[in-house]
Amino acid sequence: MSKRVAKIISTELLDNKDARWINLVKITYEDENGQVRTWEAMKRRGRPKASAVDAVQMLSILEKPTGPEVLLEKQFRAPAGKIVIEFPAGLVDEGETPEQAALRELREETGYIGEVVTDRGGKRPILFSSPASSSSSTFLIHLKVDPGKEENQNPKPELEDGEFIECFWVSLSNLYTECRKLEAQGFAIDGKVGVFAEGLEMSKIWNV
């Protein structure tokens, strides 16, 4: 990761005609009482025609003798104004499946070669990241990283211009505590990582 600290310089309104990735839209709908209402929301541009989601999030697990570890990233996110702790993620490209996108993004962002873990529930659920303000949707795809593979001994990310990502592994058993520590240090915790960590902690409390 760059030794310089990223910072916000300015924020201004953006006209939809100048937007590359996201548009602001007004949705007109009819509520349960038959009253017509409107809602402002963000809509991501360019979802592949054959894809059910815009993006994929990767829950990448490494099996170790000391217990499973999850792969996380540190990346500056301008809307948050902070370095965010998040799962590897990315948009689905035209002509690829979400699973192919997950493996590609994992390799590009982290250098690791993963293997898709079959979803035990059958059809993978579509997750809406912020349904009150955005139509953006994603799949959370489970990946297994084999430490024995030669490519995973010294992974080399293929980052795009403007991408500054630091990868690190955290024990699943300590994820909740680690998220608390990172937040106290000034990092922002991505909602999906935070909810996942809370779920693990609740499973301990309630012996699920």
N, C-alpha and C. Protein backbone atom coordinates (compact mmCIF):
# COMPACT_ATOMS: atom_id res chain seq x y z
N MET A 1 0.84 -1.19 0.00
CA MET A 1 0.00 0.00 0.00
C MET A 1 0.88 1.24 0.00
N SER A 2 0.44 2.30 -0.67
CA SER A 2 1.18 3.54 -0.74
C SER A 2 1.41 4.09 0.66
N LYS A 3 2.61 4.70 0.88
CA LYS A 3 2.92 5.27 2.18
C LYS A 3 2.20 6.60 2.39
N ARG A 4 1.76 7.23 1.30
CA ARG A 4 1.00 8.46 1.43
C ARG A 4 -0.41 8.14 1.90
N VAL A 5 -1.04 9.11 2.56
CA VAL A 5 -2.39 8.91 3.07
C VAL A 5 -3.38 9.59 2.11
N ALA A 6 -4.33 8.82 1.60
CA ALA A 6 -5.35 9.39 0.71
C ALA A 6 -6.24 10.33 1.51
N LYS A 7 -6.73 11.37 0.85
CA LYS A 7 -7.59 12.34 1.53
C LYS A 7 -8.58 12.94 0.54
N ILE A 8 -9.71 13.40 1.08
CA ILE A 8 -10.73 14.06 0.26
C ILE A 8 -10.30 15.50 0.01
N ILE A 9 -10.39 15.92 -1.25
CA ILE A 9 -10.05 17.30 -1.62
C ILE A 9 -11.31 18.16 -1.70
N SER A 10 -12.36 17.62 -2.33
CA SER A 10 -13.61 18.37 -2.44
C SER A 10 -14.74 17.42 -2.77
N THR A 11 -15.97 17.89 -2.54
CA THR A 11 -17.17 17.14 -2.90
C THR A 11 -18.14 18.09 -3.56
N GLU A 12 -18.72 17.68 -4.69
CA GLU A 12 -19.65 18.54 -5.41
C GLU A 12 -20.75 17.69 -6.04
N LEU A 13 -21.84 18.32 -6.42
CA LEU A 13 -22.92 17.61 -7.07
C LEU A 13 -22.49 17.18 -8.47
N LEU A 14 -22.98 16.02 -8.90
CA LEU A 14 -22.62 15.46 -10.19
C LEU A 14 -23.86 15.26 -11.03
N ASP A 15 -23.86 15.80 -12.23
CA ASP A 15 -24.98 15.61 -13.15
C ASP A 15 -24.94 14.20 -13.71
N ASN A 16 -26.11 13.57 -13.89
CA ASN A 16 -26.14 12.20 -14.40
C ASN A 16 -25.41 12.04 -15.73
N LYS A 17 -25.46 13.07 -16.57
CA LYS A 17 -24.82 12.96 -17.89
C LYS A 17 -23.29 12.87 -17.77
N ASP A 18 -22.77 13.28 -16.63
CA ASP A 18 -21.32 13.22 -16.41
C ASP A 18 -20.90 12.00 -15.59
N ALA A 19 -21.88 11.22 -15.14
CA ALA A 19 -21.58 10.07 -14.28
C ALA A 19 -21.15 8.86 -15.11
N ARG A 20 -20.13 8.17 -14.64
CA ARG A 20 -19.61 7.00 -15.35
C ARG A 20 -20.16 5.70 -14.78
N TRP A 21 -20.33 5.63 -13.46
CA TRP A 21 -20.67 4.36 -12.82
C TRP A 21 -22.07 4.32 -12.21
N ILE A 22 -22.56 5.46 -11.72
CA ILE A 22 -23.82 5.48 -10.98
C ILE A 22 -24.67 6.66 -11.42
N ASN A 23 -25.98 6.43 -11.49
CA ASN A 23 -26.93 7.50 -11.77
C ASN A 23 -27.87 7.69 -10.60
N LEU A 24 -28.33 8.92 -10.42
CA LEU A 24 -29.38 9.22 -9.45
C LEU A 24 -30.70 9.15 -10.20
N VAL A 25 -31.65 8.37 -9.68
CA VAL A 25 -32.92 8.18 -10.37
C VAL A 25 -34.08 8.50 -9.43
N LYS A 26 -35.22 8.85 -10.02
CA LYS A 26 -36.45 9.03 -9.25
C LYS A 26 -37.39 7.88 -9.61
N ILE A 27 -37.80 7.14 -8.59
CA ILE A 27 -38.67 5.98 -8.78
C ILE A 27 -40.10 6.36 -8.38
N THR A 28 -41.04 6.09 -9.27
CA THR A 28 -42.45 6.30 -8.95
C THR A 28 -43.09 4.95 -8.71
N TYR A 29 -43.75 4.82 -7.57
CA TYR A 29 -44.36 3.53 -7.23
C TYR A 29 -45.68 3.75 -6.49
N GLU A 30 -46.43 2.68 -6.38
CA GLU A 30 -47.71 2.73 -5.68
C GLU A 30 -47.59 1.94 -4.39
N ASP A 31 -47.94 2.55 -3.25
CA ASP A 31 -47.79 1.87 -1.97
C ASP A 31 -48.97 0.95 -1.67
N GLU A 32 -48.96 0.37 -0.47
CA GLU A 32 -49.99 -0.61 -0.10
C GLU A 32 -51.39 -0.02 -0.03
N ASN A 33 -51.51 1.29 0.11
CA ASN A 33 -52.82 1.94 0.14
C ASN A 33 -53.25 2.49 -1.20
N GLY A 34 -52.44 2.21 -2.23
CA GLY A 34 -52.76 2.69 -3.57
C GLY A 34 -52.31 4.12 -3.83
N GLN A 35 -51.58 4.71 -2.91
CA GLN A 35 -51.11 6.08 -3.09
C GLN A 35 -49.81 6.07 -3.90
N VAL A 36 -49.74 6.96 -4.89
CA VAL A 36 -48.55 7.07 -5.73
C VAL A 36 -47.50 7.89 -4.99
N ARG A 37 -46.30 7.36 -4.91
CA ARG A 37 -45.21 8.02 -4.22
C ARG A 37 -43.95 8.00 -5.08
N THR A 38 -42.97 8.82 -4.71
CA THR A 38 -41.69 8.83 -5.42
C THR A 38 -40.57 8.58 -4.42
N TRP A 39 -39.45 8.08 -4.95
CA TRP A 39 -38.30 7.76 -4.12
C TRP A 39 -37.02 8.05 -4.91
N GLU A 40 -36.06 8.67 -4.25
CA GLU A 40 -34.77 8.93 -4.88
C GLU A 40 -33.82 7.79 -4.56
N ALA A 41 -33.08 7.37 -5.57
CA ALA A 41 -32.16 6.25 -5.37
C ALA A 41 -30.99 6.31 -6.34
N MET A 42 -29.98 5.50 -6.06
CA MET A 42 -28.85 5.35 -6.95
C MET A 42 -29.02 4.07 -7.75
N LYS A 43 -28.61 4.11 -9.00
CA LYS A 43 -28.70 2.93 -9.86
C LYS A 43 -27.36 2.77 -10.58
N ARG A 44 -26.77 1.59 -10.43
CA ARG A 44 -25.49 1.35 -11.08
C ARG A 44 -25.67 1.14 -12.58
N ARG A 45 -24.80 1.71 -13.36
CA ARG A 45 -24.87 1.59 -14.81
C ARG A 45 -24.12 0.36 -15.29
N GLY A 46 -24.60 -0.24 -16.36
CA GLY A 46 -23.83 -1.26 -17.06
C GLY A 46 -23.86 -2.67 -16.51
N ARG A 47 -24.94 -3.07 -15.82
CA ARG A 47 -25.00 -4.48 -15.39
C ARG A 47 -25.07 -5.37 -16.63
N PRO A 48 -24.27 -6.46 -16.68
CA PRO A 48 -24.34 -7.37 -17.81
C PRO A 48 -25.76 -7.93 -17.98
N LYS A 49 -26.19 -8.04 -19.22
CA LYS A 49 -27.57 -8.46 -19.51
C LYS A 49 -27.90 -9.83 -18.92
N ALA A 50 -26.94 -10.75 -18.91
CA ALA A 50 -27.22 -12.11 -18.45
C ALA A 50 -26.97 -12.30 -16.96
N SER A 51 -26.56 -11.24 -16.26
CA SER A 51 -26.21 -11.38 -14.84
C SER A 51 -27.35 -10.92 -13.94
N ALA A 52 -27.58 -11.66 -12.87
CA ALA A 52 -28.62 -11.29 -11.91
C ALA A 52 -28.15 -10.23 -10.94
N VAL A 53 -26.84 -9.98 -10.89
CA VAL A 53 -26.26 -9.03 -9.95
C VAL A 53 -25.26 -8.11 -10.63
N ASP A 54 -24.99 -6.99 -9.97
CA ASP A 54 -23.98 -6.06 -10.49
C ASP A 54 -22.57 -6.52 -10.13
N ALA A 55 -22.44 -7.08 -8.92
CA ALA A 55 -21.11 -7.33 -8.37
C ALA A 55 -21.06 -8.62 -7.59
N VAL A 56 -19.84 -8.97 -7.19
CA VAL A 56 -19.62 -10.15 -6.35
C VAL A 56 -18.73 -9.76 -5.18
N GLN A 57 -19.02 -10.36 -4.03
CA GLN A 57 -18.17 -10.25 -2.84
C GLN A 57 -17.61 -11.64 -2.59
N MET A 58 -16.34 -11.70 -2.22
CA MET A 58 -15.71 -13.00 -2.05
C MET A 58 -15.39 -13.27 -0.57
N LEU A 59 -15.97 -14.32 -0.06
CA LEU A 59 -15.66 -14.81 1.29
C LEU A 59 -14.61 -15.89 1.10
N SER A 60 -13.35 -15.50 1.17
CA SER A 60 -12.24 -16.40 0.84
C SER A 60 -11.61 -16.96 2.12
N ILE A 61 -11.58 -18.27 2.19
CA ILE A 61 -11.13 -18.95 3.42
C ILE A 61 -9.87 -19.77 3.17
N LEU A 62 -8.93 -19.64 4.09
CA LEU A 62 -7.68 -20.40 4.06
C LEU A 62 -7.68 -21.34 5.25
N GLU A 63 -7.55 -22.63 4.98
CA GLU A 63 -7.50 -23.63 6.06
C GLU A 63 -6.08 -23.72 6.60
N LYS A 64 -5.96 -23.56 7.93
CA LYS A 64 -4.65 -23.69 8.58
C LYS A 64 -4.78 -24.61 9.79
N PRO A 65 -3.67 -25.20 10.24
CA PRO A 65 -3.73 -26.07 11.42
C PRO A 65 -4.27 -25.35 12.65
N THR A 66 -4.07 -24.03 12.70
CA THR A 66 -4.55 -23.24 13.84
C THR A 66 -6.01 -22.81 13.69
N GLY A 67 -6.62 -23.15 12.55
CA GLY A 67 -8.01 -22.78 12.32
C GLY A 67 -8.17 -21.98 11.04
N PRO A 68 -9.39 -21.88 10.51
CA PRO A 68 -9.63 -21.16 9.26
C PRO A 68 -9.42 -19.66 9.41
N GLU A 69 -8.92 -19.04 8.33
CA GLU A 69 -8.73 -17.60 8.28
C GLU A 69 -9.46 -17.02 7.08
N VAL A 70 -9.90 -15.77 7.19
CA VAL A 70 -10.63 -15.11 6.12
C VAL A 70 -9.77 -13.99 5.55
N LEU A 71 -9.85 -13.81 4.25
CA LEU A 71 -9.06 -12.80 3.55
C LEU A 71 -9.81 -11.47 3.52
N LEU A 72 -9.15 -10.42 4.00
CA LEU A 72 -9.73 -9.08 4.01
C LEU A 72 -8.81 -8.10 3.28
N GLU A 73 -9.35 -6.94 2.97
CA GLU A 73 -8.59 -5.90 2.30
C GLU A 73 -8.70 -4.58 3.04
N LYS A 74 -7.66 -3.77 2.92
CA LYS A 74 -7.69 -2.37 3.34
C LYS A 74 -7.64 -1.52 2.08
N GLN A 75 -8.67 -0.69 1.88
CA GLN A 75 -8.73 0.13 0.68
C GLN A 75 -9.43 1.45 0.97
N PHE A 76 -8.82 2.55 0.56
CA PHE A 76 -9.44 3.86 0.76
C PHE A 76 -10.69 3.97 -0.09
N ARG A 77 -11.79 4.37 0.54
CA ARG A 77 -13.06 4.57 -0.16
C ARG A 77 -13.47 6.03 0.02
N ALA A 78 -13.53 6.75 -1.09
CA ALA A 78 -13.80 8.18 -1.03
C ALA A 78 -15.12 8.53 -0.34
N PRO A 79 -16.24 7.82 -0.59
CA PRO A 79 -17.49 8.19 0.10
C PRO A 79 -17.38 8.09 1.61
N ALA A 80 -16.60 7.14 2.10
CA ALA A 80 -16.41 7.00 3.55
C ALA A 80 -15.35 7.97 4.06
N GLY A 81 -14.46 8.38 3.17
CA GLY A 81 -13.38 9.25 3.58
C GLY A 81 -12.34 8.56 4.44
N LYS A 82 -12.33 7.23 4.41
CA LYS A 82 -11.43 6.45 5.24
C LYS A 82 -10.95 5.20 4.49
N ILE A 83 -9.93 4.57 5.05
CA ILE A 83 -9.55 3.24 4.58
C ILE A 83 -10.55 2.26 5.17
N VAL A 84 -11.12 1.44 4.30
CA VAL A 84 -12.21 0.54 4.69
C VAL A 84 -11.71 -0.90 4.75
N ILE A 85 -12.15 -1.62 5.76
CA ILE A 85 -11.87 -3.05 5.88
C ILE A 85 -13.01 -3.78 5.17
N GLU A 86 -12.69 -4.53 4.13
CA GLU A 86 -13.74 -5.15 3.32
C GLU A 86 -13.31 -6.48 2.74
N PHE A 87 -14.30 -7.22 2.24
CA PHE A 87 -14.01 -8.44 1.50
C PHE A 87 -13.52 -8.06 0.10
N PRO A 88 -12.69 -8.88 -0.52
CA PRO A 88 -12.39 -8.66 -1.94
C PRO A 88 -13.71 -8.65 -2.71
N ALA A 89 -13.80 -7.78 -3.71
CA ALA A 89 -15.06 -7.64 -4.44
C ALA A 89 -14.80 -7.01 -5.80
N GLY A 90 -15.82 -7.06 -6.65
CA GLY A 90 -15.69 -6.42 -7.94
C GLY A 90 -16.94 -6.59 -8.78
N LEU A 91 -16.99 -5.86 -9.88
CA LEU A 91 -18.13 -5.91 -10.78
C LEU A 91 -18.06 -7.12 -11.70
N VAL A 92 -19.21 -7.61 -12.10
CA VAL A 92 -19.30 -8.71 -13.07
C VAL A 92 -19.17 -8.12 -14.46
N ASP A 93 -18.26 -8.65 -15.26
CA ASP A 93 -18.06 -8.18 -16.63
C ASP A 93 -19.02 -8.87 -17.58
N GLU A 94 -19.28 -8.23 -18.70
CA GLU A 94 -20.11 -8.82 -19.74
C GLU A 94 -19.49 -10.14 -20.21
N GLY A 95 -20.33 -11.17 -20.31
CA GLY A 95 -19.88 -12.45 -20.85
C GLY A 95 -19.30 -13.41 -19.82
N GLU A 96 -19.28 -13.04 -18.53
CA GLU A 96 -18.77 -13.96 -17.52
C GLU A 96 -19.83 -14.23 -16.46
N THR A 97 -19.72 -15.39 -15.83
CA THR A 97 -20.63 -15.73 -14.75
C THR A 97 -20.15 -15.05 -13.47
N PRO A 98 -21.03 -14.93 -12.46
CA PRO A 98 -20.57 -14.37 -11.18
C PRO A 98 -19.41 -15.17 -10.58
N GLU A 99 -19.43 -16.48 -10.74
CA GLU A 99 -18.35 -17.31 -10.20
C GLU A 99 -17.02 -17.01 -10.91
N GLN A 100 -17.08 -16.84 -12.22
CA GLN A 100 -15.88 -16.47 -12.97
C GLN A 100 -15.38 -15.09 -12.55
N ALA A 101 -16.33 -14.17 -12.32
CA ALA A 101 -15.96 -12.83 -11.87
C ALA A 101 -15.27 -12.89 -10.51
N ALA A 102 -15.78 -13.74 -9.62
CA ALA A 102 -15.21 -13.86 -8.28
C ALA A 102 -13.76 -14.36 -8.35
N LEU A 103 -13.52 -15.37 -9.15
CA LEU A 103 -12.16 -15.91 -9.28
C LEU A 103 -11.23 -14.90 -9.93
N ARG A 104 -11.73 -14.19 -10.94
CA ARG A 104 -10.92 -13.17 -11.62
C ARG A 104 -10.57 -12.02 -10.67
N GLU A 105 -11.57 -11.51 -9.96
CA GLU A 105 -11.34 -10.39 -9.06
C GLU A 105 -10.40 -10.79 -7.91
N LEU A 106 -10.55 -12.01 -7.41
CA LEU A 106 -9.65 -12.48 -6.35
C LEU A 106 -8.21 -12.47 -6.84
N ARG A 107 -8.00 -12.98 -8.04
CA ARG A 107 -6.65 -13.03 -8.60
C ARG A 107 -6.10 -11.62 -8.85
N GLU A 108 -6.93 -10.74 -9.42
CA GLU A 108 -6.47 -9.39 -9.74
C GLU A 108 -6.19 -8.56 -8.49
N GLU A 109 -7.07 -8.63 -7.50
CA GLU A 109 -6.94 -7.78 -6.32
C GLU A 109 -5.96 -8.32 -5.28
N THR A 110 -5.85 -9.63 -5.19
CA THR A 110 -5.04 -10.22 -4.11
C THR A 110 -3.89 -11.09 -4.61
N GLY A 111 -3.97 -11.57 -5.84
CA GLY A 111 -2.96 -12.48 -6.37
C GLY A 111 -3.22 -13.93 -6.07
N TYR A 112 -4.21 -14.20 -5.21
CA TYR A 112 -4.50 -15.58 -4.84
C TYR A 112 -5.36 -16.28 -5.89
N ILE A 113 -5.14 -17.57 -6.02
CA ILE A 113 -5.94 -18.42 -6.89
C ILE A 113 -6.91 -19.19 -5.99
N GLY A 114 -8.20 -19.02 -6.22
CA GLY A 114 -9.20 -19.65 -5.37
C GLY A 114 -10.00 -20.72 -6.08
N GLU A 115 -10.84 -21.38 -5.33
CA GLU A 115 -11.74 -22.41 -5.85
C GLU A 115 -13.13 -22.14 -5.28
N VAL A 116 -14.12 -22.11 -6.15
CA VAL A 116 -15.48 -21.83 -5.71
C VAL A 116 -16.02 -22.99 -4.89
N VAL A 117 -16.57 -22.66 -3.73
CA VAL A 117 -17.21 -23.67 -2.88
C VAL A 117 -18.69 -23.74 -3.25
N THR A 118 -19.18 -24.92 -3.57
CA THR A 118 -20.57 -25.08 -3.97
C THR A 118 -21.52 -24.58 -2.89
N ASP A 119 -22.48 -23.77 -3.28
CA ASP A 119 -23.45 -23.23 -2.32
C ASP A 119 -24.34 -24.36 -1.82
N ARG A 120 -24.35 -24.57 -0.52
CA ARG A 120 -25.09 -25.71 0.06
C ARG A 120 -26.60 -25.51 0.03
N GLY A 121 -27.03 -24.26 -0.13
CA GLY A 121 -28.47 -23.99 -0.12
C GLY A 121 -29.13 -24.08 -1.47
N GLY A 122 -28.36 -24.43 -2.51
CA GLY A 122 -28.93 -24.48 -3.85
C GLY A 122 -28.71 -23.18 -4.58
N LYS A 123 -29.78 -22.49 -4.92
CA LYS A 123 -29.68 -21.22 -5.63
C LYS A 123 -29.14 -20.14 -4.70
N ARG A 124 -28.07 -19.48 -5.11
CA ARG A 124 -27.42 -18.47 -4.27
C ARG A 124 -28.32 -17.23 -4.14
N PRO A 125 -28.52 -16.70 -2.93
CA PRO A 125 -29.40 -15.54 -2.74
C PRO A 125 -28.76 -14.24 -3.24
N ILE A 126 -29.60 -13.38 -3.81
CA ILE A 126 -29.16 -12.05 -4.22
C ILE A 126 -29.21 -11.14 -3.00
N LEU A 127 -28.10 -10.44 -2.74
CA LEU A 127 -28.01 -9.55 -1.59
C LEU A 127 -28.02 -8.09 -2.06
N PHE A 128 -28.87 -7.28 -1.44
CA PHE A 128 -28.91 -5.85 -1.75
C PHE A 128 -28.13 -5.11 -0.67
N SER A 129 -27.09 -4.38 -1.10
CA SER A 129 -26.18 -3.76 -0.16
C SER A 129 -26.82 -2.64 0.64
N SER A 130 -27.65 -1.83 -0.01
CA SER A 130 -28.28 -0.69 0.66
C SER A 130 -29.62 -0.41 -0.02
N PRO A 131 -30.61 -1.29 0.20
CA PRO A 131 -31.86 -1.23 -0.56
C PRO A 131 -32.69 0.03 -0.37
N ALA A 132 -32.42 0.80 0.68
CA ALA A 132 -33.18 2.05 0.87
C ALA A 132 -32.66 3.17 -0.01
N SER A 133 -31.45 3.01 -0.55
CA SER A 133 -30.88 4.09 -1.35
C SER A 133 -30.29 3.64 -2.68
N SER A 134 -30.21 2.32 -2.91
CA SER A 134 -29.57 1.84 -4.13
C SER A 134 -30.15 0.51 -4.57
N SER A 135 -30.17 0.29 -5.89
CA SER A 135 -30.62 -0.98 -6.44
C SER A 135 -29.45 -1.96 -6.62
N SER A 136 -28.25 -1.54 -6.24
CA SER A 136 -27.07 -2.37 -6.41
C SER A 136 -27.22 -3.70 -5.68
N SER A 137 -26.87 -4.78 -6.37
CA SER A 137 -27.02 -6.12 -5.80
C SER A 137 -25.76 -6.93 -6.00
N THR A 138 -25.60 -7.95 -5.16
CA THR A 138 -24.37 -8.74 -5.19
C THR A 138 -24.63 -10.17 -4.78
N PHE A 139 -23.71 -11.04 -5.13
CA PHE A 139 -23.64 -12.39 -4.59
C PHE A 139 -22.46 -12.45 -3.63
N LEU A 140 -22.61 -13.13 -2.51
CA LEU A 140 -21.49 -13.43 -1.62
C LEU A 140 -21.04 -14.84 -1.97
N ILE A 141 -19.90 -14.93 -2.63
CA ILE A 141 -19.44 -16.22 -3.14
C ILE A 141 -18.32 -16.76 -2.25
N HIS A 142 -18.50 -17.99 -1.80
CA HIS A 142 -17.52 -18.63 -0.93
C HIS A 142 -16.39 -19.22 -1.77
N LEU A 143 -15.15 -18.88 -1.42
CA LEU A 143 -13.98 -19.40 -2.11
C LEU A 143 -13.04 -20.06 -1.12
N LYS A 144 -12.37 -21.08 -1.59
CA LYS A 144 -11.35 -21.77 -0.79
C LYS A 144 -10.00 -21.49 -1.40
N VAL A 145 -9.04 -21.08 -0.58
CA VAL A 145 -7.68 -20.81 -1.05
C VAL A 145 -6.77 -21.91 -0.54
N ASP A 146 -6.13 -22.61 -1.46
CA ASP A 146 -5.25 -23.72 -1.11
C ASP A 146 -3.82 -23.19 -0.92
N PRO A 147 -3.30 -23.19 0.33
CA PRO A 147 -1.96 -22.67 0.56
C PRO A 147 -0.86 -23.53 -0.06
N GLY A 148 -1.23 -24.75 -0.46
CA GLY A 148 -0.25 -25.63 -1.05
C GLY A 148 0.03 -25.35 -2.52
N LYS A 149 -0.84 -24.58 -3.17
CA LYS A 149 -0.63 -24.26 -4.58
C LYS A 149 0.55 -23.31 -4.74
N GLU A 150 1.33 -23.56 -5.78
CA GLU A 150 2.52 -22.74 -6.01
C GLU A 150 2.17 -21.27 -6.20
N GLU A 151 1.04 -21.00 -6.90
CA GLU A 151 0.65 -19.60 -7.16
C GLU A 151 0.31 -18.85 -5.88
N ASN A 152 -0.07 -19.61 -4.83
CA ASN A 152 -0.47 -18.97 -3.58
C ASN A 152 0.68 -18.82 -2.58
N GLN A 153 1.88 -19.26 -2.97
CA GLN A 153 3.03 -19.12 -2.09
C GLN A 153 3.51 -17.68 -2.01
N ASN A 154 3.50 -17.02 -3.16
CA ASN A 154 3.94 -15.62 -3.23
C ASN A 154 2.99 -14.87 -4.18
N PRO A 155 1.75 -14.62 -3.74
CA PRO A 155 0.74 -14.04 -4.62
C PRO A 155 1.11 -12.64 -5.11
N LYS A 156 0.83 -12.39 -6.39
CA LYS A 156 1.14 -11.10 -7.00
C LYS A 156 -0.13 -10.49 -7.58
N PRO A 157 -0.70 -9.48 -6.91
CA PRO A 157 -1.91 -8.83 -7.43
C PRO A 157 -1.66 -8.15 -8.77
N GLU A 158 -2.74 -7.95 -9.51
CA GLU A 158 -2.68 -7.24 -10.79
C GLU A 158 -3.60 -6.02 -10.68
N LEU A 159 -3.18 -5.05 -9.88
CA LEU A 159 -4.03 -3.90 -9.58
C LEU A 159 -4.09 -2.93 -10.75
N GLU A 160 -5.28 -2.31 -10.91
CA GLU A 160 -5.46 -1.31 -11.94
C GLU A 160 -4.91 0.03 -11.46
N ASP A 161 -4.74 0.95 -12.40
CA ASP A 161 -4.28 2.29 -12.04
C ASP A 161 -5.26 2.93 -11.06
N GLY A 162 -4.76 3.44 -9.97
CA GLY A 162 -5.63 4.06 -8.97
C GLY A 162 -6.09 3.12 -7.89
N GLU A 163 -5.76 1.83 -7.99
CA GLU A 163 -6.10 0.86 -6.94
C GLU A 163 -4.92 0.70 -5.99
N PHE A 164 -5.20 0.87 -4.71
CA PHE A 164 -4.20 0.70 -3.66
C PHE A 164 -4.82 -0.21 -2.60
N ILE A 165 -4.49 -1.48 -2.66
CA ILE A 165 -5.13 -2.48 -1.81
C ILE A 165 -4.08 -3.23 -1.01
N GLU A 166 -4.33 -3.35 0.27
CA GLU A 166 -3.48 -4.17 1.15
C GLU A 166 -4.30 -5.34 1.66
N CYS A 167 -3.82 -6.55 1.43
CA CYS A 167 -4.54 -7.76 1.83
C CYS A 167 -3.97 -8.31 3.14
N PHE A 168 -4.83 -8.91 3.93
CA PHE A 168 -4.37 -9.54 5.16
C PHE A 168 -5.37 -10.61 5.58
N TRP A 169 -4.88 -11.57 6.36
CA TRP A 169 -5.70 -12.69 6.82
C TRP A 169 -6.03 -12.51 8.29
N VAL A 170 -7.24 -12.88 8.66
CA VAL A 170 -7.70 -12.81 10.05
C VAL A 170 -8.35 -14.13 10.42
N SER A 171 -8.03 -14.63 11.60
CA SER A 171 -8.66 -15.85 12.09
C SER A 171 -10.17 -15.63 12.22
N LEU A 172 -10.94 -16.57 11.74
CA LEU A 172 -12.40 -16.45 11.85
C LEU A 172 -12.84 -16.36 13.31
N SER A 173 -12.14 -17.06 14.18
CA SER A 173 -12.53 -17.05 15.59
C SER A 173 -12.28 -15.70 16.24
N ASN A 174 -11.39 -14.88 15.65
CA ASN A 174 -11.06 -13.57 16.22
C ASN A 174 -11.57 -12.40 15.38
N LEU A 175 -12.38 -12.69 14.37
CA LEU A 175 -12.79 -11.63 13.44
C LEU A 175 -13.53 -10.49 14.14
N TYR A 176 -14.45 -10.82 15.02
CA TYR A 176 -15.23 -9.79 15.71
C TYR A 176 -14.31 -8.87 16.52
N THR A 177 -13.40 -9.47 17.28
CA THR A 177 -12.46 -8.69 18.09
C THR A 177 -11.55 -7.85 17.22
N GLU A 178 -11.10 -8.42 16.11
CA GLU A 178 -10.19 -7.71 15.21
C GLU A 178 -10.89 -6.51 14.57
N CYS A 179 -12.16 -6.68 14.20
CA CYS A 179 -12.92 -5.57 13.63
C CYS A 179 -13.05 -4.43 14.64
N ARG A 180 -13.29 -4.76 15.89
CA ARG A 180 -13.37 -3.75 16.94
C ARG A 180 -12.05 -2.99 17.06
N LYS A 181 -10.94 -3.74 17.03
CA LYS A 181 -9.62 -3.11 17.14
C LYS A 181 -9.35 -2.19 15.94
N LEU A 182 -9.66 -2.65 14.76
CA LEU A 182 -9.42 -1.86 13.55
C LEU A 182 -10.26 -0.59 13.53
N GLU A 183 -11.52 -0.72 13.98
CA GLU A 183 -12.39 0.47 14.03
C GLU A 183 -11.85 1.48 15.03
N ALA A 184 -11.32 1.01 16.13
CA ALA A 184 -10.74 1.89 17.14
C ALA A 184 -9.48 2.58 16.63
N GLN A 185 -8.82 1.95 15.68
CA GLN A 185 -7.61 2.52 15.09
C GLN A 185 -7.91 3.55 13.99
N GLY A 186 -9.20 3.71 13.65
CA GLY A 186 -9.58 4.71 12.67
C GLY A 186 -10.02 4.16 11.33
N PHE A 187 -10.01 2.84 11.18
CA PHE A 187 -10.48 2.23 9.93
C PHE A 187 -12.01 2.19 9.93
N ALA A 188 -12.60 2.23 8.74
CA ALA A 188 -14.03 2.01 8.61
C ALA A 188 -14.27 0.53 8.33
N ILE A 189 -15.32 -0.03 8.87
CA ILE A 189 -15.65 -1.44 8.66
C ILE A 189 -16.80 -1.54 7.67
N ASP A 190 -16.55 -2.20 6.56
CA ASP A 190 -17.62 -2.42 5.57
C ASP A 190 -18.77 -3.18 6.23
N GLY A 191 -20.00 -2.81 5.87
CA GLY A 191 -21.17 -3.40 6.51
C GLY A 191 -21.24 -4.90 6.38
N LYS A 192 -20.83 -5.44 5.24
CA LYS A 192 -20.91 -6.88 5.05
C LYS A 192 -19.92 -7.61 5.95
N VAL A 193 -18.72 -7.05 6.07
CA VAL A 193 -17.73 -7.63 6.98
C VAL A 193 -18.23 -7.54 8.42
N GLY A 194 -18.77 -6.37 8.78
CA GLY A 194 -19.25 -6.17 10.14
C GLY A 194 -20.38 -7.11 10.51
N VAL A 195 -21.33 -7.27 9.61
CA VAL A 195 -22.48 -8.16 9.88
C VAL A 195 -22.01 -9.62 9.97
N PHE A 196 -21.07 -9.99 9.10
CA PHE A 196 -20.53 -11.35 9.14
C PHE A 196 -19.85 -11.60 10.48
N ALA A 197 -19.04 -10.62 10.94
CA ALA A 197 -18.36 -10.75 12.23
C ALA A 197 -19.35 -10.82 13.38
N GLU A 198 -20.40 -9.99 13.31
CA GLU A 198 -21.44 -10.02 14.35
C GLU A 198 -22.14 -11.37 14.38
N GLY A 199 -22.37 -11.93 13.19
CA GLY A 199 -23.03 -13.23 13.12
C GLY A 199 -22.19 -14.33 13.77
N LEU A 200 -20.87 -14.29 13.51
CA LEU A 200 -19.98 -15.26 14.14
C LEU A 200 -20.00 -15.10 15.66
N GLU A 201 -20.00 -13.84 16.11
CA GLU A 201 -19.99 -13.60 17.55
C GLU A 201 -21.31 -14.05 18.19
N MET A 202 -22.42 -13.80 17.52
CA MET A 202 -23.73 -14.21 18.05
C MET A 202 -23.84 -15.73 18.11
N SER A 203 -23.21 -16.41 17.15
CA SER A 203 -23.27 -17.88 17.17
C SER A 203 -22.55 -18.44 18.40
N LYS A 204 -21.52 -17.70 18.88
CA LYS A 204 -20.83 -18.11 20.11
C LYS A 204 -21.71 -17.85 21.33
N ILE A 205 -22.33 -16.66 21.36
CA ILE A 205 -23.14 -16.28 22.50
C ILE A 205 -24.34 -17.20 22.67
N TRP A 206 -24.97 -17.54 21.54
CA TRP A 206 -26.20 -18.33 21.60
C TRP A 206 -25.99 -19.81 21.28
N ASN A 207 -24.70 -20.21 21.16
CA ASN A 207 -24.38 -21.62 20.94
C ASN A 207 -25.11 -22.21 19.74
N VAL A 208 -25.10 -21.46 18.65
CA VAL A 208 -25.78 -21.92 17.44
C VAL A 208 -24.99 -23.07 16.81
